[in-house]
Amino acid sequence: MSNTEHERDRDREQPLIEHLIELRTRLLRGLYCVAVVFLALFPFAGEIYGLVAGPLMSQLPAGATMIATEVASPFLVPFKLCIYLALFLSMPYVLYQAWAFIAPGLYASERRFAVPLLVSSIALFYAGAAFAFFIVFPLVFGFFASVVPPEVALMTDINHYLDFVLTMFLAFGLAFEVPIATLLLIWTGLVTAESLARSRPYIIVGAFIVGALLSPPDVLSQTLLSVPIWLLFEAGLYFSRFLPRAAREADEGAHEQPR
């Protein structure tokens, strides 16, 4: 192999190595952020768990309390909560690092469209978690507490409660991403707004099926998850009317600016 061929191979390998180094740097920055937030939260792990347990504790009868059925649970459960909360709070920075790695490979018009989409998806996920905590939890726990037989003492294990809370946060956070998913499907041309509008009855049924799968097995929880999914789909369908202009700009940018 000639020296010229060696140089061409080295030139092809160098950008790949540079991209891998940058990816490693971005990942480490995200991990550092999560670690720093975790270290800041952990000294207050007990108080944080008390705040998360507030919606349930406010519905328990007088004198009732939560219990720990495992020896290490009083330490491990708040520890696990702090890890998830650190990841939850660090997500904007982590996603920013992912965006900074991907953005140079996009057209300028794609970046103009993707940035508000990314910011909106983060805000909607947080909104879904807040909706679950402030609206759904008091209603659901109040319902559960009201149907407990008089001869049964309601005492919830702290680990099971945390698993329930995290599952609900994830379910409602993902459910609130429905407008983003709707816009992406229409913007990429996989479906049209008209076809989605015609499929509305099936989507409503699908929303209630998803609500039944992701929420606890009671009608109230399922309805509180299914109805927002449906309404958020309608919101995504409404805002999709502004997409044709963004799509045309993206097509024009593809011809104006080389990758």
C-alpha atoms as a PDB file:
ATOM      1  CA  MET A   1       0.000   0.000   0.000  1.00  0.00           C
ATOM      2  CA  SER A   2       1.393   3.402  -0.980  1.00  0.00           C
ATOM      3  CA  ASN A   3       1.955   6.320   1.352  1.00  0.00           C
ATOM      4  CA  THR A   4      -0.932   8.164  -0.276  1.00  0.00           C
ATOM      5  CA  GLU A   5      -3.338   5.315   0.528  1.00  0.00           C
ATOM      6  CA  HIS A   6      -2.093   5.211   4.127  1.00  0.00           C
ATOM      7  CA  GLU A   7      -2.778   8.926   4.457  1.00  0.00           C
ATOM      8  CA  ARG A   8      -6.306   8.531   3.078  1.00  0.00           C
ATOM      9  CA  ASP A   9      -7.039   5.728   5.567  1.00  0.00           C
ATOM     10  CA  ARG A  10      -5.677   7.841   8.408  1.00  0.00           C
ATOM     11  CA  ASP A  11      -7.835  10.780   7.341  1.00  0.00           C
ATOM     12  CA  ARG A  12     -10.937   8.568   7.368  1.00  0.00           C
ATOM     13  CA  GLU A  13     -10.134   7.136  10.798  1.00  0.00           C
ATOM     14  CA  GLN A  14      -9.359  10.488  12.417  1.00  0.00           C
ATOM     15  CA  PRO A  15     -12.919  11.936  12.257  1.00  0.00           C
ATOM     16  CA  LEU A  16     -14.310   8.707  13.740  1.00  0.00           C
ATOM     17  CA  ILE A  17     -11.848   8.847  16.628  1.00  0.00           C
ATOM     18  CA  GLU A  18     -12.672  12.503  17.197  1.00  0.00           C
ATOM     19  CA  HIS A  19     -16.399  11.713  17.270  1.00  0.00           C
ATOM     20  CA  LEU A  20     -15.851   8.882  19.760  1.00  0.00           C
ATOM     21  CA  ILE A  21     -13.768  11.137  21.996  1.00  0.00           C
ATOM     22  CA  GLU A  22     -16.454  13.818  21.873  1.00  0.00           C
ATOM     23  CA  LEU A  23     -19.174  11.238  22.642  1.00  0.00           C
ATOM     24  CA  ARG A  24     -17.173  10.016  25.634  1.00  0.00           C
ATOM     25  CA  THR A  25     -16.737  13.605  26.844  1.00  0.00           C
ATOM     26  CA  ARG A  26     -20.468  14.318  26.522  1.00  0.00           C
ATOM     27  CA  LEU A  27     -21.388  11.123  28.389  1.00  0.00           C
ATOM     28  CA  LEU A  28     -18.958  11.876  31.201  1.00  0.00           C
ATOM     29  CA  ARG A  29     -20.327  15.399  31.567  1.00  0.00           C
ATOM     30  CA  GLY A  30     -23.836  14.000  31.900  1.00  0.00           C
ATOM     31  CA  LEU A  31     -22.697  11.459  34.497  1.00  0.00           C
ATOM     32  CA  TYR A  32     -20.807  14.136  36.436  1.00  0.00           C
ATOM     33  CA  CYS A  33     -23.926  16.285  36.548  1.00  0.00           C
ATOM     34  CA  VAL A  34     -26.037  13.392  37.857  1.00  0.00           C
ATOM     35  CA  ALA A  35     -23.372  12.583  40.461  1.00  0.00           C
ATOM     36  CA  VAL A  36     -23.130  16.191  41.669  1.00  0.00           C
ATOM     37  CA  VAL A  37     -26.913  16.517  41.985  1.00  0.00           C
ATOM     38  CA  PHE A  38     -27.087  13.176  43.815  1.00  0.00           C
ATOM     39  CA  LEU A  39     -24.406  14.230  46.311  1.00  0.00           C
ATOM     40  CA  ALA A  40     -26.310  17.459  46.935  1.00  0.00           C
ATOM     41  CA  LEU A  41     -29.588  15.609  47.515  1.00  0.00           C
ATOM     42  CA  PHE A  42     -28.439  12.612  49.547  1.00  0.00           C
ATOM     43  CA  PRO A  43     -27.936  14.441  52.888  1.00  0.00           C
ATOM     44  CA  PHE A  44     -31.647  15.308  52.692  1.00  0.00           C
ATOM     45  CA  ALA A  45     -32.798  11.857  51.541  1.00  0.00           C
ATOM     46  CA  GLY A  46     -35.138  11.353  54.486  1.00  0.00           C
ATOM     47  CA  GLU A  47     -36.822  14.721  54.068  1.00  0.00           C
ATOM     48  CA  ILE A  48     -37.171  14.175  50.321  1.00  0.00           C
ATOM     49  CA  TYR A  49     -38.837  10.826  50.846  1.00  0.00           C
ATOM     50  CA  GLY A  50     -41.172  12.467  53.349  1.00  0.00           C
ATOM     51  CA  LEU A  51     -42.219  14.971  50.666  1.00  0.00           C
ATOM     52  CA  VAL A  52     -42.792  12.205  48.121  1.00  0.00           C
ATOM     53  CA  ALA A  53     -44.817  10.241  50.664  1.00  0.00           C
ATOM     54  CA  GLY A  54     -46.918  13.301  51.498  1.00  0.00           C
ATOM     55  CA  PRO A  55     -49.865  12.523  49.158  1.00  0.00           C
ATOM     56  CA  LEU A  56     -50.301   9.104  50.765  1.00  0.00           C
ATOM     57  CA  MET A  57     -49.637  10.164  54.350  1.00  0.00           C
ATOM     58  CA  SER A  58     -52.286  12.886  54.094  1.00  0.00           C
ATOM     59  CA  GLN A  59     -54.898  10.242  53.251  1.00  0.00           C
ATOM     60  CA  LEU A  60     -54.004   7.724  55.964  1.00  0.00           C
ATOM     61  CA  PRO A  61     -56.203   7.456  59.055  1.00  0.00           C
ATOM     62  CA  ALA A  62     -55.024   9.063  62.262  1.00  0.00           C
ATOM     63  CA  GLY A  63     -52.201   7.076  63.806  1.00  0.00           C
ATOM     64  CA  ALA A  64     -51.449   5.109  60.644  1.00  0.00           C
ATOM     65  CA  THR A  65     -47.954   5.099  59.225  1.00  0.00           C
ATOM     66  CA  MET A  66     -45.797   3.527  56.536  1.00  0.00           C
ATOM     67  CA  ILE A  67     -43.664   0.484  57.256  1.00  0.00           C
ATOM     68  CA  ALA A  68     -40.347  -1.046  56.160  1.00  0.00           C
ATOM     69  CA  THR A  69     -40.518  -4.808  55.676  1.00  0.00           C
ATOM     70  CA  GLU A  70     -36.795  -5.254  54.989  1.00  0.00           C
ATOM     71  CA  VAL A  71     -33.878  -4.477  57.271  1.00  0.00           C
ATOM     72  CA  ALA A  72     -32.010  -2.255  54.816  1.00  0.00           C
ATOM     73  CA  SER A  73     -35.080  -0.503  53.377  1.00  0.00           C
ATOM     74  CA  PRO A  74     -34.860   2.615  55.594  1.00  0.00           C
ATOM     75  CA  PHE A  75     -31.473   3.343  53.997  1.00  0.00           C
ATOM     76  CA  LEU A  76     -31.781   1.856  50.497  1.00  0.00           C
ATOM     77  CA  VAL A  77     -35.190   3.305  49.602  1.00  0.00           C
ATOM     78  CA  PRO A  78     -34.251   6.988  50.162  1.00  0.00           C
ATOM     79  CA  PHE A  79     -30.923   6.225  48.461  1.00  0.00           C
ATOM     80  CA  LYS A  80     -32.746   4.894  45.393  1.00  0.00           C
ATOM     81  CA  LEU A  81     -35.094   7.862  45.423  1.00  0.00           C
ATOM     82  CA  CYS A  82     -32.151  10.291  45.377  1.00  0.00           C
ATOM     83  CA  ILE A  83     -30.608   8.484  42.401  1.00  0.00           C
ATOM     84  CA  TYR A  84     -33.820   8.715  40.383  1.00  0.00           C
ATOM     85  CA  LEU A  85     -34.409  12.297  41.442  1.00  0.00           C
ATOM     86  CA  ALA A  86     -30.849  13.274  40.479  1.00  0.00           C
ATOM     87  CA  LEU A  87     -31.382  11.751  37.050  1.00  0.00           C
ATOM     88  CA  PHE A  88     -34.760  13.467  36.783  1.00  0.00           C
ATOM     89  CA  LEU A  89     -33.357  16.886  37.662  1.00  0.00           C
ATOM     90  CA  SER A  90     -30.244  16.453  35.514  1.00  0.00           C
ATOM     91  CA  MET A  91     -32.147  15.393  32.414  1.00  0.00           C
ATOM     92  CA  PRO A  92     -32.156  18.855  30.756  1.00  0.00           C
ATOM     93  CA  TYR A  93     -28.359  19.011  30.984  1.00  0.00           C
ATOM     94  CA  VAL A  94     -27.954  15.383  29.876  1.00  0.00           C
ATOM     95  CA  LEU A  95     -30.203  15.991  26.865  1.00  0.00           C
ATOM     96  CA  TYR A  96     -28.307  19.193  26.108  1.00  0.00           C
ATOM     97  CA  GLN A  97     -25.097  17.166  25.910  1.00  0.00           C
ATOM     98  CA  ALA A  98     -26.794  14.714  23.557  1.00  0.00           C
ATOM     99  CA  TRP A  99     -28.076  17.616  21.476  1.00  0.00           C
ATOM    100  CA  ALA A 100     -24.646  19.257  21.325  1.00  0.00           C
ATOM    101  CA  PHE A 101     -23.241  16.007  19.944  1.00  0.00           C
ATOM    102  CA  ILE A 102     -25.984  15.517  17.321  1.00  0.00           C
ATOM    103  CA  ALA A 103     -26.670  19.116  16.263  1.00  0.00           C
ATOM    104  CA  PRO A 104     -23.571  19.647  14.059  1.00  0.00           C
ATOM    105  CA  GLY A 105     -24.838  16.907  11.732  1.00  0.00           C
ATOM    106  CA  LEU A 106     -28.216  18.558  11.175  1.00  0.00           C
ATOM    107  CA  TYR A 107     -29.308  21.177   8.679  1.00  0.00           C
ATOM    108  CA  ALA A 108     -29.875  24.661  10.063  1.00  0.00           C
ATOM    109  CA  SER A 109     -33.604  24.394   9.333  1.00  0.00           C
ATOM    110  CA  GLU A 110     -33.735  21.052  11.172  1.00  0.00           C
ATOM    111  CA  ARG A 111     -32.039  22.608  14.181  1.00  0.00           C
ATOM    112  CA  ARG A 112     -34.550  25.475  14.232  1.00  0.00           C
ATOM    113  CA  PHE A 113     -37.377  22.955  14.352  1.00  0.00           C
ATOM    114  CA  ALA A 114     -35.732  20.426  16.696  1.00  0.00           C
ATOM    115  CA  VAL A 115     -34.765  22.845  19.476  1.00  0.00           C
ATOM    116  CA  PRO A 116     -38.323  23.882  20.447  1.00  0.00           C
ATOM    117  CA  LEU A 117     -39.373  20.253  20.033  1.00  0.00           C
ATOM    118  CA  LEU A 118     -36.679  19.101  22.475  1.00  0.00           C
ATOM    119  CA  VAL A 119     -37.474  21.848  24.990  1.00  0.00           C
ATOM    120  CA  SER A 120     -41.191  21.076  24.734  1.00  0.00           C
ATOM    121  CA  SER A 121     -40.634  17.361  25.279  1.00  0.00           C
ATOM    122  CA  ILE A 122     -38.678  18.035  28.483  1.00  0.00           C
ATOM    123  CA  ALA A 123     -41.309  20.476  29.752  1.00  0.00           C
ATOM    124  CA  LEU A 124     -44.131  18.055  28.929  1.00  0.00           C
ATOM    125  CA  PHE A 125     -42.423  15.190  30.766  1.00  0.00           C
ATOM    126  CA  TYR A 126     -42.046  17.357  33.867  1.00  0.00           C
ATOM    127  CA  ALA A 127     -45.658  18.495  33.476  1.00  0.00           C
ATOM    128  CA  GLY A 128     -46.787  14.870  33.362  1.00  0.00           C
ATOM    129  CA  ALA A 129     -44.906  14.034  36.558  1.00  0.00           C
ATOM    130  CA  ALA A 130     -46.307  17.151  38.275  1.00  0.00           C
ATOM    131  CA  PHE A 131     -49.828  16.255  37.136  1.00  0.00           C
ATOM    132  CA  ALA A 132     -49.424  12.794  38.661  1.00  0.00           C
ATOM    133  CA  PHE A 133     -48.075  14.133  41.954  1.00  0.00           C
ATOM    134  CA  PHE A 134     -50.417  17.060  42.560  1.00  0.00           C
ATOM    135  CA  ILE A 135     -53.627  15.904  40.864  1.00  0.00           C
ATOM    136  CA  VAL A 136     -53.658  12.131  40.472  1.00  0.00           C
ATOM    137  CA  PHE A 137     -52.029  10.974  43.705  1.00  0.00           C
ATOM    138  CA  PRO A 138     -54.403  12.775  46.114  1.00  0.00           C
ATOM    139  CA  LEU A 139     -57.428  11.453  44.218  1.00  0.00           C
ATOM    140  CA  VAL A 140     -56.126   7.908  43.874  1.00  0.00           C
ATOM    141  CA  PHE A 141     -54.862   7.581  47.441  1.00  0.00           C
ATOM    142  CA  GLY A 142     -58.039   9.143  48.763  1.00  0.00           C
ATOM    143  CA  PHE A 143     -60.057   6.568  46.828  1.00  0.00           C
ATOM    144  CA  PHE A 144     -57.895   3.673  48.062  1.00  0.00           C
ATOM    145  CA  ALA A 145     -58.142   4.856  51.665  1.00  0.00           C
ATOM    146  CA  SER A 146     -61.940   5.168  51.422  1.00  0.00           C
ATOM    147  CA  VAL A 147     -62.456   1.574  50.313  1.00  0.00           C
ATOM    148  CA  VAL A 148     -60.301  -0.067  53.005  1.00  0.00           C
ATOM    149  CA  PRO A 149     -62.498  -2.395  55.132  1.00  0.00           C
ATOM    150  CA  PRO A 150     -62.844  -1.292  58.766  1.00  0.00           C
ATOM    151  CA  GLU A 151     -61.049  -4.387  60.058  1.00  0.00           C
ATOM    152  CA  VAL A 152     -58.002  -3.778  57.798  1.00  0.00           C
ATOM    153  CA  ALA A 153     -55.139  -1.481  58.822  1.00  0.00           C
ATOM    154  CA  LEU A 154     -53.684   0.412  55.849  1.00  0.00           C
ATOM    155  CA  MET A 155     -49.875   0.230  56.189  1.00  0.00           C
ATOM    156  CA  THR A 156     -47.864   0.619  52.972  1.00  0.00           C
ATOM    157  CA  ASP A 157     -44.290  -0.616  52.598  1.00  0.00           C
ATOM    158  CA  ILE A 158     -41.951   2.258  51.760  1.00  0.00           C
ATOM    159  CA  ASN A 159     -40.227   0.342  48.948  1.00  0.00           C
ATOM    160  CA  HIS A 160     -43.501  -0.683  47.287  1.00  0.00           C
ATOM    161  CA  TYR A 161     -44.749   2.875  47.559  1.00  0.00           C
ATOM    162  CA  LEU A 162     -41.633   4.268  45.877  1.00  0.00           C
ATOM    163  CA  ASP A 163     -41.925   1.738  43.040  1.00  0.00           C
ATOM    164  CA  PHE A 164     -45.560   2.767  42.570  1.00  0.00           C
ATOM    165  CA  VAL A 165     -44.667   6.477  42.527  1.00  0.00           C
ATOM    166  CA  LEU A 166     -41.817   6.023  40.043  1.00  0.00           C
ATOM    167  CA  THR A 167     -44.021   3.936  37.760  1.00  0.00           C
ATOM    168  CA  MET A 168     -46.725   6.601  37.811  1.00  0.00           C
ATOM    169  CA  PHE A 169     -44.208   9.382  37.156  1.00  0.00           C
ATOM    170  CA  LEU A 170     -42.862   7.489  34.155  1.00  0.00           C
ATOM    171  CA  ALA A 171     -46.337   6.621  32.857  1.00  0.00           C
ATOM    172  CA  PHE A 172     -47.666  10.174  33.063  1.00  0.00           C
ATOM    173  CA  GLY A 173     -44.390  11.679  31.837  1.00  0.00           C
ATOM    174  CA  LEU A 174     -44.476   9.497  28.729  1.00  0.00           C
ATOM    175  CA  ALA A 175     -48.200  10.062  28.268  1.00  0.00           C
ATOM    176  CA  PHE A 176     -47.620  13.805  28.133  1.00  0.00           C
ATOM    177  CA  GLU A 177     -45.213  13.239  25.222  1.00  0.00           C
ATOM    178  CA  VAL A 178     -48.146  12.345  22.958  1.00  0.00           C
ATOM    179  CA  PRO A 179     -48.238  15.799  21.253  1.00  0.00           C
ATOM    180  CA  ILE A 180     -44.538  15.479  20.407  1.00  0.00           C
ATOM    181  CA  ALA A 181     -45.040  11.987  19.000  1.00  0.00           C
ATOM    182  CA  THR A 182     -48.021  13.219  16.969  1.00  0.00           C
ATOM    183  CA  LEU A 183     -46.064  16.145  15.526  1.00  0.00           C
ATOM    184  CA  LEU A 184     -43.085  13.960  14.654  1.00  0.00           C
ATOM    185  CA  LEU A 185     -45.249  11.388  12.880  1.00  0.00           C
ATOM    186  CA  ILE A 186     -46.873  14.097  10.781  1.00  0.00           C
ATOM    187  CA  TRP A 187     -43.677  16.091  10.174  1.00  0.00           C
ATOM    188  CA  THR A 188     -41.736  13.034   8.954  1.00  0.00           C
ATOM    189  CA  GLY A 189     -44.565  12.133   6.588  1.00  0.00           C
ATOM    190  CA  LEU A 190     -45.308   8.731   8.115  1.00  0.00           C
ATOM    191  CA  VAL A 191     -48.934   9.791   8.550  1.00  0.00           C
ATOM    192  CA  THR A 192     -51.036  12.820   7.699  1.00  0.00           C
ATOM    193  CA  ALA A 193     -53.123  14.962  10.007  1.00  0.00           C
ATOM    194  CA  GLU A 194     -56.206  13.967   8.039  1.00  0.00           C
ATOM    195  CA  SER A 195     -55.583  10.244   8.486  1.00  0.00           C
ATOM    196  CA  LEU A 196     -55.021  10.713  12.226  1.00  0.00           C
ATOM    197  CA  ALA A 197     -58.234  12.717  12.478  1.00  0.00           C
ATOM    198  CA  ARG A 198     -60.128   9.924  10.739  1.00  0.00           C
ATOM    199  CA  SER A 199     -58.577   7.412  13.155  1.00  0.00           C
ATOM    200  CA  ARG A 200     -59.689   9.367  16.217  1.00  0.00           C
ATOM    201  CA  PRO A 201     -62.115   6.678  17.526  1.00  0.00           C
ATOM    202  CA  TYR A 202     -59.362   4.040  17.430  1.00  0.00           C
ATOM    203  CA  ILE A 203     -56.898   6.394  19.108  1.00  0.00           C
ATOM    204  CA  ILE A 204     -59.365   7.095  21.924  1.00  0.00           C
ATOM    205  CA  VAL A 205     -59.806   3.358  22.465  1.00  0.00           C
ATOM    206  CA  GLY A 206     -56.025   2.949  22.356  1.00  0.00           C
ATOM    207  CA  ALA A 207     -55.618   5.719  24.949  1.00  0.00           C
ATOM    208  CA  PHE A 208     -57.856   3.841  27.374  1.00  0.00           C
ATOM    209  CA  ILE A 209     -56.011   0.586  26.675  1.00  0.00           C
ATOM    210  CA  VAL A 210     -52.687   2.304  27.416  1.00  0.00           C
ATOM    211  CA  GLY A 211     -54.208   3.827  30.550  1.00  0.00           C
ATOM    212  CA  ALA A 212     -55.300   0.370  31.691  1.00  0.00           C
ATOM    213  CA  LEU A 213     -51.830  -1.081  31.077  1.00  0.00           C
ATOM    214  CA  LEU A 214     -49.770   1.688  32.668  1.00  0.00           C
ATOM    215  CA  SER A 215     -51.917   2.660  35.644  1.00  0.00           C
ATOM    216  CA  PRO A 216     -53.081   0.778  38.756  1.00  0.00           C
ATOM    217  CA  PRO A 217     -56.069  -1.542  38.257  1.00  0.00           C
ATOM    218  CA  ASP A 218     -58.787   0.918  39.210  1.00  0.00           C
ATOM    219  CA  VAL A 219     -61.097   2.928  36.998  1.00  0.00           C
ATOM    220  CA  LEU A 220     -60.120   6.289  38.491  1.00  0.00           C
ATOM    221  CA  SER A 221     -56.387   5.938  37.758  1.00  0.00           C
ATOM    222  CA  GLN A 222     -57.032   4.600  34.286  1.00  0.00           C
ATOM    223  CA  THR A 223     -59.360   7.487  33.461  1.00  0.00           C
ATOM    224  CA  LEU A 224     -56.956  10.086  34.850  1.00  0.00           C
ATOM    225  CA  LEU A 225     -54.259   8.748  32.517  1.00  0.00           C
ATOM    226  CA  SER A 226     -56.389   7.954  29.451  1.00  0.00           C
ATOM    227  CA  VAL A 227     -58.237  11.271  29.191  1.00  0.00           C
ATOM    228  CA  PRO A 228     -55.022  13.391  29.184  1.00  0.00           C
ATOM    229  CA  ILE A 229     -53.559  11.114  26.494  1.00  0.00           C
ATOM    230  CA  TRP A 230     -56.592  11.744  24.320  1.00  0.00           C
ATOM    231  CA  LEU A 231     -56.611  15.505  24.958  1.00  0.00           C
ATOM    232  CA  LEU A 232     -52.875  15.767  24.327  1.00  0.00           C
ATOM    233  CA  PHE A 233     -53.310  13.902  21.055  1.00  0.00           C
ATOM    234  CA  GLU A 234     -55.915  16.497  20.080  1.00  0.00           C
ATOM    235  CA  ALA A 235     -53.431  19.245  21.007  1.00  0.00           C
ATOM    236  CA  GLY A 236     -50.747  17.676  18.818  1.00  0.00           C
ATOM    237  CA  LEU A 237     -53.239  17.363  15.977  1.00  0.00           C
ATOM    238  CA  TYR A 238     -54.165  21.040  16.346  1.00  0.00           C
ATOM    239  CA  PHE A 239     -50.577  22.283  16.319  1.00  0.00           C
ATOM    240  CA  SER A 240     -49.740  20.066  13.348  1.00  0.00           C
ATOM    241  CA  ARG A 241     -51.414  22.659  11.112  1.00  0.00           C
ATOM    242  CA  PHE A 242     -48.286  24.771  11.581  1.00  0.00           C
ATOM    243  CA  LEU A 243     -45.985  21.976  10.388  1.00  0.00           C
ATOM    244  CA  PRO A 244     -46.195  22.301   6.572  1.00  0.00           C
ATOM    245  CA  ARG A 245     -44.259  25.559   6.677  1.00  0.00           C
ATOM    246  CA  ALA A 246     -41.576  24.017   8.911  1.00  0.00           C
ATOM    247  CA  ALA A 247     -41.365  21.006   6.601  1.00  0.00           C
ATOM    248  CA  ARG A 248     -40.924  23.209   3.535  1.00  0.00           C
ATOM    249  CA  GLU A 249     -38.164  25.138   5.256  1.00  0.00           C
ATOM    250  CA  ALA A 250     -36.444  21.871   6.111  1.00  0.00           C
ATOM    251  CA  ASP A 251     -36.612  20.758   2.479  1.00  0.00           C
ATOM    252  CA  GLU A 252     -35.294  24.093   1.266  1.00  0.00           C
ATOM    253  CA  GLY A 253     -32.488  23.987   3.817  1.00  0.00           C
ATOM    254  CA  ALA A 254     -31.462  20.559   2.549  1.00  0.00           C
ATOM    255  CA  HIS A 255     -30.709  22.124  -0.822  1.00  0.00           C
ATOM    256  CA  GLU A 256     -29.153  25.297   0.527  1.00  0.00           C
ATOM    257  CA  GLN A 257     -26.752  23.903   3.114  1.00  0.00           C
ATOM    258  CA  PRO A 258     -24.642  20.757   2.632  1.00  0.00           C
ATOM    259  CA  ARG A 259     -24.150  18.448   5.576  1.00  0.00           C
END
